[in-house]
PDB file of N, CA and C in Angstrom:
ATOM      1  N   MET A   1      77.697-113.175  73.283  1.00  0.00           N
ATOM      2  CA  MET A   1      77.368-113.649  74.610  1.00  0.00           C
ATOM      3  C   MET A   1      77.173-115.159  74.609  1.00  0.00           C
ATOM      4  N   GLU A   2      76.503-115.651  73.578  1.00  0.00           N
ATOM      5  CA  GLU A   2      76.252-117.092  73.530  1.00  0.00           C
ATOM      6  C   GLU A   2      77.542-117.878  73.330  1.00  0.00           C
ATOM      7  N   ARG A   3      78.407-117.390  72.458  1.00  0.00           N
ATOM      8  CA  ARG A   3      79.656-118.107  72.171  1.00  0.00           C
ATOM      9  C   ARG A   3      80.516-118.222  73.418  1.00  0.00           C
ATOM     10  N   LYS A   4      80.495-117.189  74.276  1.00  0.00           N
ATOM     11  CA  LYS A   4      81.285-117.190  75.507  1.00  0.00           C
ATOM     12  C   LYS A   4      80.493-117.700  76.707  1.00  0.00           C
ATOM     13  N   ASN A   5      79.204-118.030  76.483  1.00  0.00           N
ATOM     14  CA  ASN A   5      78.313-118.505  77.541  1.00  0.00           C
ATOM     15  C   ASN A   5      78.206-117.492  78.688  1.00  0.00           C
ATOM     16  N   LEU A   6      77.975-116.223  78.327  1.00  0.00           N
ATOM     17  CA  LEU A   6      77.867-115.152  79.313  1.00  0.00           C
ATOM     18  C   LEU A   6      76.406-114.817  79.573  1.00  0.00           C
ATOM     19  N   ASP A   7      76.112-114.465  80.800  1.00  0.00           N
ATOM     20  CA  ASP A   7      74.766-114.019  81.160  1.00  0.00           C
ATOM     21  C   ASP A   7      74.652-112.506  81.179  1.00  0.00           C
ATOM     22  N   LEU A   8      75.780-111.828  81.382  1.00  0.00           N
ATOM     23  CA  LEU A   8      75.768-110.365  81.501  1.00  0.00           C
ATOM     24  C   LEU A   8      77.083-109.801  81.006  1.00  0.00           C
ATOM     25  N   ILE A   9      76.981-108.692  80.273  1.00  0.00           N
ATOM     26  CA  ILE A   9      78.152-107.923  79.860  1.00  0.00           C
ATOM     27  C   ILE A   9      77.958-106.512  80.391  1.00  0.00           C
ATOM     28  N   VAL A  10      79.025-105.938  80.943  1.00  0.00           N
ATOM     29  CA  VAL A  10      79.025-104.540  81.354  1.00  0.00           C
ATOM     30  C   VAL A  10      79.873-103.793  80.346  1.00  0.00           C
ATOM     31  N   LEU A  11      79.222-102.960  79.562  1.00  0.00           N
ATOM     32  CA  LEU A  11      79.886-102.197  78.517  1.00  0.00           C
ATOM     33  C   LEU A  11      80.313-100.848  79.079  1.00  0.00           C
ATOM     34  N   ASN A  12      81.595-100.618  79.093  1.00  0.00           N
ATOM     35  CA  ASN A  12      82.193 -99.383  79.600  1.00  0.00           C
ATOM     36  C   ASN A  12      82.258 -98.360  78.479  1.00  0.00           C
ATOM     37  N   SER A  13      81.704 -97.177  78.685  1.00  0.00           N
ATOM     38  CA  SER A  13      81.788 -96.136  77.665  1.00  0.00           C
ATOM     39  C   SER A  13      83.167 -95.482  77.710  1.00  0.00           C
ATOM     40  N   LEU A  14      83.785 -95.391  76.563  1.00  0.00           N
ATOM     41  CA  LEU A  14      85.046 -94.662  76.449  1.00  0.00           C
ATOM     42  C   LEU A  14      84.865 -93.397  75.629  1.00  0.00           C
ATOM     43  N   GLU A  15      83.647 -93.173  75.148  1.00  0.00           N
ATOM     44  CA  GLU A  15      83.371 -92.052  74.264  1.00  0.00           C
ATOM     45  C   GLU A  15      82.745 -90.853  74.986  1.00  0.00           C
ATOM     46  N   ASP A  16      82.095 -91.093  76.117  1.00  0.00           N
ATOM     47  CA  ASP A  16      81.414 -90.005  76.821  1.00  0.00           C
ATOM     48  C   ASP A  16      82.398 -89.235  77.697  1.00  0.00           C
ATOM     49  N   GLN A  17      82.256 -87.927  77.708  1.00  0.00           N
ATOM     50  CA  GLN A  17      83.131 -87.080  78.521  1.00  0.00           C
ATOM     51  C   GLN A  17      82.964 -87.436  80.005  1.00  0.00           C
ATOM     52  N   GLY A  18      84.083 -87.622  80.705  1.00  0.00           N
ATOM     53  CA  GLY A  18      84.057 -87.945  82.120  1.00  0.00           C
ATOM     54  C   GLY A  18      83.921 -89.423  82.417  1.00  0.00           C
ATOM     55  N   ALA A  19      83.905 -90.246  81.370  1.00  0.00           N
ATOM     56  CA  ALA A  19      83.723 -91.690  81.563  1.00  0.00           C
ATOM     57  C   ALA A  19      84.979 -92.439  81.129  1.00  0.00           C
ATOM     58  N   GLY A  20      85.140 -93.612  81.695  1.00  0.00           N
ATOM     59  CA  GLY A  20      86.238 -94.472  81.283  1.00  0.00           C
ATOM     60  C   GLY A  20      87.468 -94.335  82.151  1.00  0.00           C
ATOM     61  N   PHE A  21      88.582 -94.742  81.612  1.00  0.00           N
ATOM     62  CA  PHE A  21      89.835 -94.751  82.351  1.00  0.00           C
ATOM     63  C   PHE A  21      90.324 -93.328  82.609  1.00  0.00           C
ATOM     64  N   GLY A  22      90.932 -93.134  83.759  1.00  0.00           N
ATOM     65  CA  GLY A  22      91.486 -91.826  84.096  1.00  0.00           C
ATOM     66  C   GLY A  22      90.475 -90.863  84.694  1.00  0.00           C
ATOM     67  N   HIS A  23      89.284 -91.334  84.987  1.00  0.00           N
ATOM     68  CA  HIS A  23      88.233 -90.503  85.585  1.00  0.00           C
ATOM     69  C   HIS A  23      87.677 -91.212  86.818  1.00  0.00           C
ATOM     70  N   ASP A  24      87.075 -90.433  87.702  1.00  0.00           N
ATOM     71  CA  ASP A  24      86.431 -91.005  88.890  1.00  0.00           C
ATOM     72  C   ASP A  24      84.992 -91.412  88.608  1.00  0.00           C
ATOM     73  N   THR A  25      84.530 -91.101  87.408  1.00  0.00           N
ATOM     74  CA  THR A  25      83.158 -91.421  87.021  1.00  0.00           C
ATOM     75  C   THR A  25      83.173 -92.348  85.814  1.00  0.00           C
ATOM     76  N   ASN A  26      82.014 -92.966  85.589  1.00  0.00           N
ATOM     77  CA  ASN A  26      81.893 -93.875  84.462  1.00  0.00           C
ATOM     78  C   ASN A  26      80.450 -93.920  83.997  1.00  0.00           C
ATOM     79  N   LYS A  27      80.268 -94.369  82.781  1.00  0.00           N
ATOM     80  CA  LYS A  27      78.944 -94.549  82.196  1.00  0.00           C
ATOM     81  C   LYS A  27      78.945 -95.938  81.576  1.00  0.00           C
ATOM     82  N   VAL A  28      78.070 -96.812  82.073  1.00  0.00           N
ATOM     83  CA  VAL A  28      78.060 -98.194  81.602  1.00  0.00           C
ATOM     84  C   VAL A  28      76.678 -98.576  81.088  1.00  0.00           C
ATOM     85  N   THR A  29      76.674 -99.606  80.255  1.00  0.00           N
ATOM     86  CA  THR A  29      75.444-100.213  79.781  1.00  0.00           C
ATOM     87  C   THR A  29      75.491-101.685  80.168  1.00  0.00           C
ATOM     88  N   LEU A  30      74.412-102.159  80.768  1.00  0.00           N
ATOM     89  CA  LEU A  30      74.316-103.554  81.198  1.00  0.00           C
ATOM     90  C   LEU A  30      73.530-104.318  80.140  1.00  0.00           C
ATOM     91  N   ILE A  31      74.148-105.363  79.608  1.00  0.00           N
ATOM     92  CA  ILE A  31      73.517-106.165  78.568  1.00  0.00           C
ATOM     93  C   ILE A  31      73.388-107.584  79.097  1.00  0.00           C
ATOM     94  N   ALA A  32      72.146-108.019  79.323  1.00  0.00           N
ATOM     95  CA  ALA A  32      71.887-109.349  79.877  1.00  0.00           C
ATOM     96  C   ALA A  32      71.055-110.163  78.897  1.00  0.00           C
ATOM     97  N   LYS A  33      71.228-111.476  78.966  1.00  0.00           N
ATOM     98  CA  LYS A  33      70.447-112.380  78.120  1.00  0.00           C
ATOM     99  C   LYS A  33      68.958-112.171  78.344  1.00  0.00           C
ATOM    100  N   GLY A  34      68.225-112.070  77.259  1.00  0.00           N
ATOM    101  CA  GLY A  34      66.776-112.033  77.337  1.00  0.00           C
ATOM    102  C   GLY A  34      66.174-110.730  77.827  1.00  0.00           C
ATOM    103  N   THR A  35      66.978-109.681  77.986  1.00  0.00           N
ATOM    104  CA  THR A  35      66.445-108.390  78.422  1.00  0.00           C
ATOM    105  C   THR A  35      66.983-107.284  77.527  1.00  0.00           C
ATOM    106  N   LYS A  36      66.341-106.142  77.580  1.00  0.00           N
ATOM    107  CA  LYS A  36      66.826-104.982  76.845  1.00  0.00           C
ATOM    108  C   LYS A  36      68.034-104.397  77.575  1.00  0.00           C
ATOM    109  N   PRO A  37      68.995-103.823  76.857  1.00  0.00           N
ATOM    110  CA  PRO A  37      70.141-103.187  77.509  1.00  0.00           C
ATOM    111  C   PRO A  37      69.686-102.063  78.441  1.00  0.00           C
ATOM    112  N   VAL A  38      70.393-101.922  79.550  1.00  0.00           N
ATOM    113  CA  VAL A  38      70.099-100.872  80.527  1.00  0.00           C
ATOM    114  C   VAL A  38      71.279 -99.909  80.531  1.00  0.00           C
ATOM    115  N   ALA A  39      71.054 -98.694  80.035  1.00  0.00           N
ATOM    116  CA  ALA A  39      72.093 -97.669  80.003  1.00  0.00           C
ATOM    117  C   ALA A  39      72.022 -96.860  81.297  1.00  0.00           C
ATOM    118  N   LEU A  40      73.103 -96.866  82.036  1.00  0.00           N
ATOM    119  CA  LEU A  40      73.165 -96.105  83.283  1.00  0.00           C
ATOM    120  C   LEU A  40      73.744 -94.722  83.000  1.00  0.00           C
ATOM    121  N   PRO A  41      73.329 -93.712  83.758  1.00  0.00           N
ATOM    122  CA  PRO A  41      73.873 -92.368  83.559  1.00  0.00           C
ATOM    123  C   PRO A  41      75.307 -92.284  84.087  1.00  0.00           C
ATOM    124  N   LEU A  42      75.960 -91.196  83.813  1.00  0.00           N
ATOM    125  CA  LEU A  42      77.289 -90.947  84.355  1.00  0.00           C
ATOM    126  C   LEU A  42      77.200 -90.941  85.875  1.00  0.00           C
ATOM    127  N   MET A  43      78.037 -91.754  86.523  1.00  0.00           N
ATOM    128  CA  MET A  43      78.025 -91.855  87.984  1.00  0.00           C
ATOM    129  C   MET A  43      79.418 -92.228  88.457  1.00  0.00           C
ATOM    130  N   THR A  44      79.631 -92.138  89.763  1.00  0.00           N
ATOM    131  CA  THR A  44      80.930 -92.546  90.286  1.00  0.00           C
ATOM    132  C   THR A  44      81.122 -94.034  90.039  1.00  0.00           C
ATOM    133  N   LYS A  45      82.358 -94.459  90.078  1.00  0.00           N
ATOM    134  CA  LYS A  45      82.637 -95.882  89.854  1.00  0.00           C
ATOM    135  C   LYS A  45      82.039 -96.740  90.967  1.00  0.00           C
ATOM    136  N   VAL A  46      81.993 -96.209  92.184  1.00  0.00           N
ATOM    137  CA  VAL A  46      81.372 -96.949  93.296  1.00  0.00           C
ATOM    138  C   VAL A  46      79.867 -97.070  93.049  1.00  0.00           C
ATOM    139  N   GLU A  47      79.233 -95.986  92.625  1.00  0.00           N
ATOM    140  CA  GLU A  47      77.799 -96.040  92.316  1.00  0.00           C
ATOM    141  C   GLU A  47      77.527 -97.019  91.176  1.00  0.00           C
ATOM    142  N   ALA A  48      78.405 -97.045  90.180  1.00  0.00           N
ATOM    143  CA  ALA A  48      78.241 -97.979  89.064  1.00  0.00           C
ATOM    144  C   ALA A  48      78.359 -99.425  89.554  1.00  0.00           C
ATOM    145  N   ALA A  49      79.313 -99.678  90.444  1.00  0.00           N
ATOM    146  CA  ALA A  49      79.477-101.033  90.995  1.00  0.00           C
ATOM    147  C   ALA A  49      78.226-101.460  91.753  1.00  0.00           C
ATOM    148  N   VAL A  50      77.657-100.566  92.549  1.00  0.00           N
ATOM    149  CA  VAL A  50      76.434-100.873  93.292  1.00  0.00           C
ATOM    150  C   VAL A  50      75.287-101.138  92.318  1.00  0.00           C
ATOM    151  N   ALA A  51      75.181-100.327  91.273  1.00  0.00           N
ATOM    152  CA  ALA A  51      74.112-100.520  90.282  1.00  0.00           C
ATOM    153  C   ALA A  51      74.261-101.866  89.577  1.00  0.00           C
ATOM    154  N   ILE A  52      75.493-102.279  89.283  1.00  0.00           N
ATOM    155  CA  ILE A  52      75.730-103.570  88.638  1.00  0.00           C
ATOM    156  C   ILE A  52      75.290-104.699  89.575  1.00  0.00           C
ATOM    157  N   LEU A  53      75.663-104.607  90.838  1.00  0.00           N
ATOM    158  CA  LEU A  53      75.258-105.633  91.806  1.00  0.00           C
ATOM    159  C   LEU A  53      73.747-105.672  91.986  1.00  0.00           C
ATOM    160  N   ASP A  54      73.107-104.503  92.024  1.00  0.00           N
ATOM    161  CA  ASP A  54      71.638-104.451  92.125  1.00  0.00           C
ATOM    162  C   ASP A  54      70.997-105.124  90.913  1.00  0.00           C
ATOM    163  N   HIS A  55      71.555-104.870  89.737  1.00  0.00           N
ATOM    164  CA  HIS A  55      71.015-105.470  88.514  1.00  0.00           C
ATOM    165  C   HIS A  55      71.192-106.989  88.548  1.00  0.00           C
ATOM    166  N   LEU A  56      72.336-107.452  88.995  1.00  0.00           N
ATOM    167  CA  LEU A  56      72.569-108.897  89.130  1.00  0.00           C
ATOM    168  C   LEU A  56      71.569-109.530  90.085  1.00  0.00           C
ATOM    169  N   GLU A  57      71.318-108.863  91.199  1.00  0.00           N
ATOM    170  CA  GLU A  57      70.348-109.364  92.166  1.00  0.00           C
ATOM    171  C   GLU A  57      68.964-109.499  91.532  1.00  0.00           C
ATOM    172  N   THR A  58      68.569-108.500  90.770  1.00  0.00           N
ATOM    173  CA  THR A  58      67.277-108.544  90.089  1.00  0.00           C
ATOM    174  C   THR A  58      67.227-109.700  89.100  1.00  0.00           C
ATOM    175  N   LEU A  59      68.299-109.883  88.337  1.00  0.00           N
ATOM    176  CA  LEU A  59      68.338-110.976  87.363  1.00  0.00           C
ATOM    177  C   LEU A  59      68.253-112.335  88.045  1.00  0.00           C
ATOM    178  N   ILE A  60      68.932-112.487  89.180  1.00  0.00           N
ATOM    179  CA  ILE A  60      68.916-113.758  89.914  1.00  0.00           C
ATOM    180  C   ILE A  60      67.531-114.062  90.455  1.00  0.00           C
ATOM    181  N   HIS A  61      66.853-113.029  90.971  1.00  0.00           N
ATOM    182  CA  HIS A  61      65.515-113.248  91.529  1.00  0.00           C
ATOM    183  C   HIS A  61      64.471-113.546  90.457  1.00  0.00           C
ATOM    184  N   HIS A  62      64.728-113.133  89.225  1.00  0.00           N
ATOM    185  CA  HIS A  62      63.781-113.383  88.145  1.00  0.00           C
ATOM    186  C   HIS A  62      64.165-114.614  87.322  1.00  0.00           C
ATOM    187  N   ALA A  63      65.211-115.290  87.727  1.00  0.00           N
ATOM    188  CA  ALA A  63      65.662-116.490  86.965  1.00  0.00           C
ATOM    189  C   ALA A  63      64.856-117.710  87.342  1.00  0.00           C
TER     190      ALA A  63
END
């Protein structure tokens, strides 16, 4: 993260059943600077997108 100067990485699970490419659902982990990783449960891709945006909003308000 530091080498690429990133504040957040969204890790897409390709190992969990029903997650990743070719599915309507996904399971992601949000990894942000200075915080513990947040593992989200299996959810629709739209729900995952909303959760990512909510997490970004929280990070911005605490910056």
